[in-house]
Amino acid sequence: MNDANVKNTDALNGTANGTTKLKFEIPFFSVPSMFGGFAEQGAARAKENFEKMKAASEEIAEVLREACSTNAKGAGEYSAKVIEFSNTNASSTLEFLSQLADTKSRMS
């Protein structure tokens, strides 16, 4: 038998398929308190999630701060090494040119 052909009289006042009001036994005054409870739970969850997000964002900010600090320190060390290498290279080049000029003058 198809469900569409079955008459539903369980939740109704004895009539078929929704032609009268449903029988629900919820007092009118308890409805606002139910929604108030839901609202309080939602607010509590929102506050809890906000606190978690705040803590996570502070942690991310600290990690980024440390990473930038490490990168700046690394860049400073790299610059110092580049200057050191440049100084060594310039000294070696000048010494080579001096020796080359001295060798050329001895040959003449």
Protein backbone atom coordinates (compact mmCIF):
# COMPACT_ATOMS: atom_id res chain seq x y z
CA MET A 1 0.00 0.00 0.00
CA ASN A 2 1.32 3.48 -0.84
CA ASP A 3 2.00 5.92 2.03
CA ALA A 4 0.14 8.70 0.23
CA ASN A 5 -3.08 6.67 0.42
CA VAL A 6 -2.85 6.04 4.17
CA LYS A 7 -4.80 8.37 6.43
CA ASN A 8 -2.77 9.79 9.29
CA THR A 9 -4.84 10.20 12.44
CA ASP A 10 -2.10 9.85 15.09
CA ALA A 11 -1.09 13.45 15.79
CA LEU A 12 -4.42 14.97 14.73
CA ASN A 13 -7.72 15.46 16.52
CA GLY A 14 -9.27 12.43 14.89
CA THR A 15 -9.51 13.84 11.35
CA ALA A 16 -7.56 12.72 8.32
CA ASN A 17 -4.47 14.28 6.73
CA GLY A 18 -4.10 17.64 8.45
CA THR A 19 -7.51 19.28 8.19
CA THR A 20 -7.43 20.31 11.86
CA LYS A 21 -4.82 21.59 14.30
CA LEU A 22 -2.13 19.31 15.66
CA LYS A 23 -2.20 18.17 19.30
CA PHE A 24 1.02 19.37 20.91
CA GLU A 25 1.18 19.59 24.67
CA ILE A 26 3.70 22.47 24.98
CA PRO A 27 2.58 25.32 27.22
CA PHE A 28 2.82 28.74 25.62
CA PHE A 29 4.94 30.17 28.45
CA SER A 30 7.67 27.52 28.21
CA VAL A 31 8.49 28.35 24.57
CA PRO A 32 10.35 31.62 25.34
CA SER A 33 12.36 29.89 28.06
CA MET A 34 13.32 27.12 25.60
CA PHE A 35 14.54 29.66 23.06
CA GLY A 36 16.28 31.59 25.82
CA GLY A 37 18.17 28.44 26.74
CA PHE A 38 19.17 27.90 23.13
CA ALA A 39 20.30 31.51 22.88
CA GLU A 40 22.37 31.20 26.05
CA GLN A 41 23.99 28.00 24.77
CA GLY A 42 24.72 29.66 21.45
CA ALA A 43 26.24 32.69 23.15
CA ALA A 44 28.37 30.48 25.39
CA ARG A 45 29.61 28.48 22.40
CA ALA A 46 30.31 31.66 20.44
CA LYS A 47 32.31 33.09 23.35
CA GLU A 48 34.23 29.83 23.73
CA ASN A 49 35.02 29.71 20.00
CA PHE A 50 36.03 33.38 20.06
CA GLU A 51 38.47 32.70 22.90
CA LYS A 52 39.93 29.74 20.98
CA MET A 53 40.32 31.83 17.82
CA LYS A 54 41.92 34.67 19.80
CA ALA A 55 44.44 32.29 21.39
CA ALA A 56 45.23 30.73 18.00
CA SER A 57 45.72 34.12 16.34
CA GLU A 58 48.03 35.24 19.17
CA GLU A 59 50.04 32.04 18.74
CA ILE A 60 50.29 32.58 14.97
CA ALA A 61 51.38 36.19 15.52
CA GLU A 62 54.13 35.03 17.89
CA VAL A 63 55.34 32.39 15.41
CA LEU A 64 55.43 34.98 12.62
CA ARG A 65 57.28 37.42 14.87
CA GLU A 66 59.90 34.76 15.64
CA ALA A 67 60.19 33.82 11.97
CA CYS A 68 60.72 37.43 10.93
CA SER A 69 63.26 37.91 13.69
CA THR A 70 65.12 34.79 12.61
CA ASN A 71 65.01 35.90 8.97
CA ALA A 72 66.31 39.37 9.86
CA LYS A 73 69.13 37.83 11.90
CA GLY A 74 69.92 35.43 9.03
CA ALA A 75 69.91 38.29 6.53
CA GLY A 76 72.32 40.26 8.74
CA GLU A 77 74.66 37.28 9.03
CA TYR A 78 74.47 36.70 5.28
CA SER A 79 75.29 40.34 4.59
CA ALA A 80 78.29 40.16 6.92
CA LYS A 81 79.54 37.02 5.10
CA VAL A 82 79.07 38.69 1.70
CA ILE A 83 81.08 41.69 2.87
CA GLU A 84 83.76 39.39 4.26
CA PHE A 85 83.94 37.43 0.99
CA SER A 86 84.05 40.66 -1.02
CA ASN A 87 86.89 41.97 1.13
CA THR A 88 88.84 38.71 0.76
CA ASN A 89 88.19 38.68 -2.99
CA ALA A 90 89.29 42.31 -3.40
CA SER A 91 92.45 41.69 -1.33
CA SER A 92 93.29 38.59 -3.38
CA THR A 93 92.72 40.47 -6.64
CA LEU A 94 94.95 43.38 -5.59
CA GLU A 95 97.67 40.98 -4.42
CA PHE A 96 97.46 39.07 -7.71
CA LEU A 97 97.70 42.30 -9.73
CA SER A 98 100.65 43.45 -7.60
CA GLN A 99 102.44 40.15 -8.18
CA LEU A 100 101.62 40.30 -11.89
CA ALA A 101 103.02 43.82 -12.17
CA ASP A 102 106.13 42.80 -10.18
CA THR A 103 106.66 39.77 -12.48
CA LYS A 104 106.25 41.93 -15.59
CA SER A 105 108.75 44.48 -14.29
CA ARG A 106 111.32 41.76 -13.58
CA MET A 107 110.95 40.42 -17.11
CA SER A 108 111.73 43.79 -18.63
